[in-house]
Amino acid sequence: MRALADVRAPLHFAIENGRASGEAKGIDGLGLRLLRNGQVVATATGRLDTEVAGVPGDYRLEVWLKDG
């Protein structure tokens, strides 16, 4: 098991003009996953930018440290 303590990276998440964007600065290799109503709609490494125009729902951005 791996564990991280006291790791803080500024997290930015926004939905504007029909696009969702997310980024966590300061740590290389972070994985990002955008969920809408509990379902994965986009994944990225480092920075996420995807179209969500006209699709209402509950959005959540998950961020994790990828292995290797």
PDB file of N, CA and C in Angstrom:
ATOM      1  N   MET A   1       0.834  -1.169   0.000  1.00  0.00           N
ATOM      2  CA  MET A   1       0.000   0.000   0.000  1.00  0.00           C
ATOM      3  C   MET A   1       0.886   1.242   0.000  1.00  0.00           C
ATOM      4  N   ARG A   2       0.506   2.198  -0.798  1.00  0.00           N
ATOM      5  CA  ARG A   2       1.191   3.487  -0.814  1.00  0.00           C
ATOM      6  C   ARG A   2       0.333   4.507  -0.091  1.00  0.00           C
ATOM      7  N   ALA A   3       0.990   5.422   0.571  1.00  0.00           N
ATOM      8  CA  ALA A   3       0.254   6.485   1.256  1.00  0.00           C
ATOM      9  C   ALA A   3       0.991   7.797   1.077  1.00  0.00           C
ATOM     10  N   LEU A   4       0.255   8.861   1.035  1.00  0.00           N
ATOM     11  CA  LEU A   4       0.824  10.199   0.937  1.00  0.00           C
ATOM     12  C   LEU A   4       0.341  11.015   2.122  1.00  0.00           C
ATOM     13  N   ALA A   5       1.214  11.801   2.668  1.00  0.00           N
ATOM     14  CA  ALA A   5       0.827  12.661   3.779  1.00  0.00           C
ATOM     15  C   ALA A   5       1.246  14.099   3.468  1.00  0.00           C
ATOM     16  N   ASP A   6       0.431  15.023   3.866  1.00  0.00           N
ATOM     17  CA  ASP A   6       0.723  16.446   3.690  1.00  0.00           C
ATOM     18  C   ASP A   6       1.073  16.817   2.255  1.00  0.00           C
ATOM     19  N   VAL A   7       0.409  16.222   1.304  1.00  0.00           N
ATOM     20  CA  VAL A   7       0.602  16.567  -0.101  1.00  0.00           C
ATOM     21  C   VAL A   7      -0.567  17.449  -0.513  1.00  0.00           C
ATOM     22  N   ARG A   8      -0.243  18.658  -0.894  1.00  0.00           N
ATOM     23  CA  ARG A   8      -1.292  19.594  -1.291  1.00  0.00           C
ATOM     24  C   ARG A   8      -0.931  20.216  -2.626  1.00  0.00           C
ATOM     25  N   ALA A   9      -1.834  20.092  -3.538  1.00  0.00           N
ATOM     26  CA  ALA A   9      -1.643  20.709  -4.854  1.00  0.00           C
ATOM     27  C   ALA A   9      -2.874  21.564  -5.130  1.00  0.00           C
ATOM     28  N   PRO A  10      -2.683  22.786  -5.570  1.00  0.00           N
ATOM     29  CA  PRO A  10      -3.842  23.615  -5.901  1.00  0.00           C
ATOM     30  C   PRO A  10      -4.682  22.936  -6.985  1.00  0.00           C
ATOM     31  N   LEU A  11      -5.944  22.789  -6.731  1.00  0.00           N
ATOM     32  CA  LEU A  11      -6.856  22.132  -7.663  1.00  0.00           C
ATOM     33  C   LEU A  11      -7.793  23.170  -8.257  1.00  0.00           C
ATOM     34  N   HIS A  12      -7.870  23.179  -9.578  1.00  0.00           N
ATOM     35  CA  HIS A  12      -8.769  24.082 -10.296  1.00  0.00           C
ATOM     36  C   HIS A  12      -9.777  23.225 -11.052  1.00  0.00           C
ATOM     37  N   PHE A  13     -11.068  23.535 -10.904  1.00  0.00           N
ATOM     38  CA  PHE A  13     -12.112  22.843 -11.644  1.00  0.00           C
ATOM     39  C   PHE A  13     -13.174  23.868 -12.008  1.00  0.00           C
ATOM     40  N   ALA A  14     -13.532  23.917 -13.289  1.00  0.00           N
ATOM     41  CA  ALA A  14     -14.534  24.886 -13.733  1.00  0.00           C
ATOM     42  C   ALA A  14     -15.329  24.320 -14.900  1.00  0.00           C
ATOM     43  N   ILE A  15     -16.571  24.732 -14.974  1.00  0.00           N
ATOM     44  CA  ILE A  15     -17.393  24.470 -16.160  1.00  0.00           C
ATOM     45  C   ILE A  15     -17.856  25.829 -16.645  1.00  0.00           C
ATOM     46  N   GLU A  16     -17.356  26.207 -17.818  1.00  0.00           N
ATOM     47  CA  GLU A  16     -17.665  27.511 -18.395  1.00  0.00           C
ATOM     48  C   GLU A  16     -17.808  27.376 -19.910  1.00  0.00           C
ATOM     49  N   ASN A  17     -18.775  28.064 -20.451  1.00  0.00           N
ATOM     50  CA  ASN A  17     -18.970  28.098 -21.906  1.00  0.00           C
ATOM     51  C   ASN A  17     -19.014  26.705 -22.526  1.00  0.00           C
ATOM     52  N   GLY A  18     -19.676  25.776 -21.840  1.00  0.00           N
ATOM     53  CA  GLY A  18     -19.853  24.436 -22.385  1.00  0.00           C
ATOM     54  C   GLY A  18     -18.637  23.528 -22.301  1.00  0.00           C
ATOM     55  N   ARG A  19     -17.613  23.922 -21.534  1.00  0.00           N
ATOM     56  CA  ARG A  19     -16.407  23.106 -21.390  1.00  0.00           C
ATOM     57  C   ARG A  19     -16.113  22.898 -19.915  1.00  0.00           C
ATOM     58  N   ALA A  20     -15.667  21.700 -19.581  1.00  0.00           N
ATOM     59  CA  ALA A  20     -15.203  21.405 -18.223  1.00  0.00           C
ATOM     60  C   ALA A  20     -13.689  21.318 -18.268  1.00  0.00           C
ATOM     61  N   SER A  21     -13.041  21.980 -17.311  1.00  0.00           N
ATOM     62  CA  SER A  21     -11.583  21.909 -17.249  1.00  0.00           C
ATOM     63  C   SER A  21     -11.161  21.683 -15.810  1.00  0.00           C
ATOM     64  N   GLY A  22     -10.086  20.932 -15.666  1.00  0.00           N
ATOM     65  CA  GLY A  22      -9.559  20.666 -14.340  1.00  0.00           C
ATOM     66  C   GLY A  22      -8.059  20.497 -14.407  1.00  0.00           C
ATOM     67  N   GLU A  23      -7.387  20.918 -13.343  1.00  0.00           N
ATOM     68  CA  GLU A  23      -5.934  20.839 -13.313  1.00  0.00           C
ATOM     69  C   GLU A  23      -5.487  20.891 -11.859  1.00  0.00           C
ATOM     70  N   ALA A  24      -4.488  20.082 -11.530  1.00  0.00           N
ATOM     71  CA  ALA A  24      -3.857  20.141 -10.215  1.00  0.00           C
ATOM     72  C   ALA A  24      -2.384  20.420 -10.447  1.00  0.00           C
ATOM     73  N   LYS A  25      -1.943  21.600 -10.061  1.00  0.00           N
ATOM     74  CA  LYS A  25      -0.563  22.008 -10.322  1.00  0.00           C
ATOM     75  C   LYS A  25       0.341  21.604  -9.163  1.00  0.00           C
ATOM     76  N   GLY A  26       1.607  21.367  -9.497  1.00  0.00           N
ATOM     77  CA  GLY A  26       2.604  21.134  -8.466  1.00  0.00           C
ATOM     78  C   GLY A  26       3.057  19.702  -8.305  1.00  0.00           C
ATOM     79  N   ILE A  27       2.320  18.740  -8.863  1.00  0.00           N
ATOM     80  CA  ILE A  27       2.716  17.339  -8.779  1.00  0.00           C
ATOM     81  C   ILE A  27       2.583  16.723 -10.164  1.00  0.00           C
ATOM     82  N   ASP A  28       3.683  16.199 -10.694  1.00  0.00           N
ATOM     83  CA  ASP A  28       3.654  15.570 -12.019  1.00  0.00           C
ATOM     84  C   ASP A  28       2.944  14.224 -11.965  1.00  0.00           C
ATOM     85  N   GLY A  29       2.295  13.872 -13.055  1.00  0.00           N
ATOM     86  CA  GLY A  29       1.711  12.543 -13.211  1.00  0.00           C
ATOM     87  C   GLY A  29       0.382  12.329 -12.518  1.00  0.00           C
ATOM     88  N   LEU A  30      -0.329  13.396 -12.189  1.00  0.00           N
ATOM     89  CA  LEU A  30      -1.638  13.216 -11.571  1.00  0.00           C
ATOM     90  C   LEU A  30      -2.654  12.779 -12.610  1.00  0.00           C
ATOM     91  N   GLY A  31      -3.494  11.842 -12.241  1.00  0.00           N
ATOM     92  CA  GLY A  31      -4.591  11.419 -13.097  1.00  0.00           C
ATOM     93  C   GLY A  31      -5.843  12.189 -12.723  1.00  0.00           C
ATOM     94  N   LEU A  32      -6.632  12.555 -13.710  1.00  0.00           N
ATOM     95  CA  LEU A  32      -7.889  13.253 -13.473  1.00  0.00           C
ATOM     96  C   LEU A  32      -9.021  12.480 -14.148  1.00  0.00           C
ATOM     97  N   ARG A  33     -10.157  12.447 -13.468  1.00  0.00           N
ATOM     98  CA  ARG A  33     -11.317  11.737 -14.003  1.00  0.00           C
ATOM     99  C   ARG A  33     -12.543  12.609 -13.735  1.00  0.00           C
ATOM    100  N   LEU A  34     -13.288  12.930 -14.782  1.00  0.00           N
ATOM    101  CA  LEU A  34     -14.514  13.719 -14.662  1.00  0.00           C
ATOM    102  C   LEU A  34     -15.705  12.766 -14.676  1.00  0.00           C
ATOM    103  N   LEU A  35     -16.554  12.913 -13.666  1.00  0.00           N
ATOM    104  CA  LEU A  35     -17.761  12.101 -13.581  1.00  0.00           C
ATOM    105  C   LEU A  35     -18.994  12.984 -13.692  1.00  0.00           C
ATOM    106  N   ARG A  36     -20.009  12.469 -14.367  1.00  0.00           N
ATOM    107  CA  ARG A  36     -21.308  13.138 -14.444  1.00  0.00           C
ATOM    108  C   ARG A  36     -22.341  12.124 -13.971  1.00  0.00           C
ATOM    109  N   ASN A  37     -23.062  12.485 -12.924  1.00  0.00           N
ATOM    110  CA  ASN A  37     -24.058  11.586 -12.336  1.00  0.00           C
ATOM    111  C   ASN A  37     -23.457  10.223 -12.009  1.00  0.00           C
ATOM    112  N   GLY A  38     -22.199  10.217 -11.540  1.00  0.00           N
ATOM    113  CA  GLY A  38     -21.532   8.995 -11.114  1.00  0.00           C
ATOM    114  C   GLY A  38     -20.877   8.182 -12.213  1.00  0.00           C
ATOM    115  N   GLN A  39     -20.978   8.620 -13.463  1.00  0.00           N
ATOM    116  CA  GLN A  39     -20.400   7.898 -14.598  1.00  0.00           C
ATOM    117  C   GLN A  39     -19.205   8.660 -15.164  1.00  0.00           C
ATOM    118  N   VAL A  40     -18.120   7.960 -15.461  1.00  0.00           N
ATOM    119  CA  VAL A  40     -16.924   8.597 -16.024  1.00  0.00           C
ATOM    120  C   VAL A  40     -17.237   9.105 -17.430  1.00  0.00           C
ATOM    121  N   VAL A  41     -16.947  10.391 -17.669  1.00  0.00           N
ATOM    122  CA  VAL A  41     -17.171  10.976 -18.991  1.00  0.00           C
ATOM    123  C   VAL A  41     -15.870  11.436 -19.647  1.00  0.00           C
ATOM    124  N   ALA A  42     -14.786  11.569 -18.857  1.00  0.00           N
ATOM    125  CA  ALA A  42     -13.490  11.956 -19.434  1.00  0.00           C
ATOM    126  C   ALA A  42     -12.376  11.634 -18.438  1.00  0.00           C
ATOM    127  N   THR A  43     -11.201  11.290 -18.976  1.00  0.00           N
ATOM    128  CA  THR A  43     -10.013  11.080 -18.158  1.00  0.00           C
ATOM    129  C   THR A  43      -8.836  11.787 -18.812  1.00  0.00           C
ATOM    130  N   ALA A  44      -7.839  12.124 -18.008  1.00  0.00           N
ATOM    131  CA  ALA A  44      -6.656  12.807 -18.531  1.00  0.00           C
ATOM    132  C   ALA A  44      -5.524  12.678 -17.517  1.00  0.00           C
ATOM    133  N   THR A  45      -4.332  13.043 -17.949  1.00  0.00           N
ATOM    134  CA  THR A  45      -3.184  13.126 -17.059  1.00  0.00           C
ATOM    135  C   THR A  45      -2.713  14.578 -17.026  1.00  0.00           C
ATOM    136  N   GLY A  46      -2.633  15.140 -15.837  1.00  0.00           N
ATOM    137  CA  GLY A  46      -2.131  16.506 -15.672  1.00  0.00           C
ATOM    138  C   GLY A  46      -3.168  17.592 -15.839  1.00  0.00           C
ATOM    139  N   ARG A  47      -3.877  17.575 -16.962  1.00  0.00           N
ATOM    140  CA  ARG A  47      -4.889  18.612 -17.239  1.00  0.00           C
ATOM    141  C   ARG A  47      -6.023  17.993 -18.035  1.00  0.00           C
ATOM    142  N   LEU A  48      -7.245  18.341 -17.657  1.00  0.00           N
ATOM    143  CA  LEU A  48      -8.425  17.831 -18.339  1.00  0.00           C
ATOM    144  C   LEU A  48      -9.172  18.993 -18.969  1.00  0.00           C
ATOM    145  N   ASP A  49      -9.617  18.812 -20.203  1.00  0.00           N
ATOM    146  CA  ASP A  49     -10.418  19.817 -20.900  1.00  0.00           C
ATOM    147  C   ASP A  49     -11.347  19.065 -21.849  1.00  0.00           C
ATOM    148  N   THR A  50     -12.649  19.173 -21.621  1.00  0.00           N
ATOM    149  CA  THR A  50     -13.598  18.416 -22.434  1.00  0.00           C
ATOM    150  C   THR A  50     -14.909  19.179 -22.581  1.00  0.00           C
ATOM    151  N   GLU A  51     -15.631  18.886 -23.637  1.00  0.00           N
ATOM    152  CA  GLU A  51     -16.908  19.545 -23.906  1.00  0.00           C
ATOM    153  C   GLU A  51     -18.015  18.903 -23.087  1.00  0.00           C
ATOM    154  N   VAL A  52     -18.862  19.736 -22.477  1.00  0.00           N
ATOM    155  CA  VAL A  52     -20.024  19.253 -21.729  1.00  0.00           C
ATOM    156  C   VAL A  52     -21.273  20.072 -22.067  1.00  0.00           C
ATOM    157  N   ALA A  53     -21.241  20.773 -23.171  1.00  0.00           N
ATOM    158  CA  ALA A  53     -22.317  21.689 -23.546  1.00  0.00           C
ATOM    159  C   ALA A  53     -23.678  20.994 -23.560  1.00  0.00           C
ATOM    160  N   GLY A  54     -24.628  21.607 -22.893  1.00  0.00           N
ATOM    161  CA  GLY A  54     -26.008  21.143 -22.941  1.00  0.00           C
ATOM    162  C   GLY A  54     -26.282  19.854 -22.200  1.00  0.00           C
ATOM    163  N   VAL A  55     -25.360  19.406 -21.361  1.00  0.00           N
ATOM    164  CA  VAL A  55     -25.558  18.151 -20.636  1.00  0.00           C
ATOM    165  C   VAL A  55     -25.621  18.452 -19.134  1.00  0.00           C
ATOM    166  N   PRO A  56     -26.834  18.615 -18.601  1.00  0.00           N
ATOM    167  CA  PRO A  56     -26.955  18.898 -17.177  1.00  0.00           C
ATOM    168  C   PRO A  56     -26.622  17.664 -16.340  1.00  0.00           C
ATOM    169  N   GLY A  57     -26.262  17.891 -15.095  1.00  0.00           N
ATOM    170  CA  GLY A  57     -25.993  16.775 -14.197  1.00  0.00           C
ATOM    171  C   GLY A  57     -25.146  17.201 -13.020  1.00  0.00           C
ATOM    172  N   ASP A  58     -24.842  16.244 -12.173  1.00  0.00           N
ATOM    173  CA  ASP A  58     -23.952  16.457 -11.040  1.00  0.00           C
ATOM    174  C   ASP A  58     -22.553  16.061 -11.480  1.00  0.00           C
ATOM    175  N   TYR A  59     -21.642  17.026 -11.506  1.00  0.00           N
ATOM    176  CA  TYR A  59     -20.271  16.796 -11.971  1.00  0.00           C
ATOM    177  C   TYR A  59     -19.317  16.704 -10.781  1.00  0.00           C
ATOM    178  N   ARG A  60     -18.327  15.822 -10.904  1.00  0.00           N
ATOM    179  CA  ARG A  60     -17.298  15.679  -9.876  1.00  0.00           C
ATOM    180  C   ARG A  60     -15.969  15.400 -10.569  1.00  0.00           C
ATOM    181  N   LEU A  61     -14.913  16.034 -10.071  1.00  0.00           N
ATOM    182  CA  LEU A  61     -13.569  15.789 -10.590  1.00  0.00           C
ATOM    183  C   LEU A  61     -12.789  15.016  -9.540  1.00  0.00           C
ATOM    184  N   GLU A  62     -12.249  13.866  -9.924  1.00  0.00           N
ATOM    185  CA  GLU A  62     -11.407  13.061  -9.045  1.00  0.00           C
ATOM    186  C   GLU A  62      -9.960  13.193  -9.511  1.00  0.00           C
ATOM    187  N   VAL A  63      -9.036  13.273  -8.564  1.00  0.00           N
ATOM    188  CA  VAL A  63      -7.620  13.421  -8.859  1.00  0.00           C
ATOM    189  C   VAL A  63      -6.867  12.389  -8.045  1.00  0.00           C
ATOM    190  N   TRP A  64      -5.893  11.699  -8.682  1.00  0.00           N
ATOM    191  CA  TRP A  64      -5.104  10.715  -7.968  1.00  0.00           C
ATOM    192  C   TRP A  64      -3.694  10.685  -8.521  1.00  0.00           C
ATOM    193  N   LEU A  65      -2.765  10.202  -7.726  1.00  0.00           N
ATOM    194  CA  LEU A  65      -1.379  10.054  -8.139  1.00  0.00           C
ATOM    195  C   LEU A  65      -1.237   8.723  -8.857  1.00  0.00           C
ATOM    196  N   LYS A  66      -0.860   8.777 -10.131  1.00  0.00           N
ATOM    197  CA  LYS A  66      -0.717   7.561 -10.931  1.00  0.00           C
ATOM    198  C   LYS A  66       0.570   6.836 -10.579  1.00  0.00           C
ATOM    199  N   ASP A  67       0.552   5.526 -10.651  1.00  0.00           N
ATOM    200  CA  ASP A  67       1.759   4.713 -10.401  1.00  0.00           C
ATOM    201  C   ASP A  67       2.751   4.886 -11.510  1.00  0.00           C
ATOM    202  N   GLY A  68       4.036   4.841 -11.116  1.00  0.00           N
ATOM    203  CA  GLY A  68       5.145   4.777 -12.050  1.00  0.00           C
ATOM    204  C   GLY A  68       5.264   5.874 -12.995  1.00  0.00           C
TER     205      GLY A  68
END
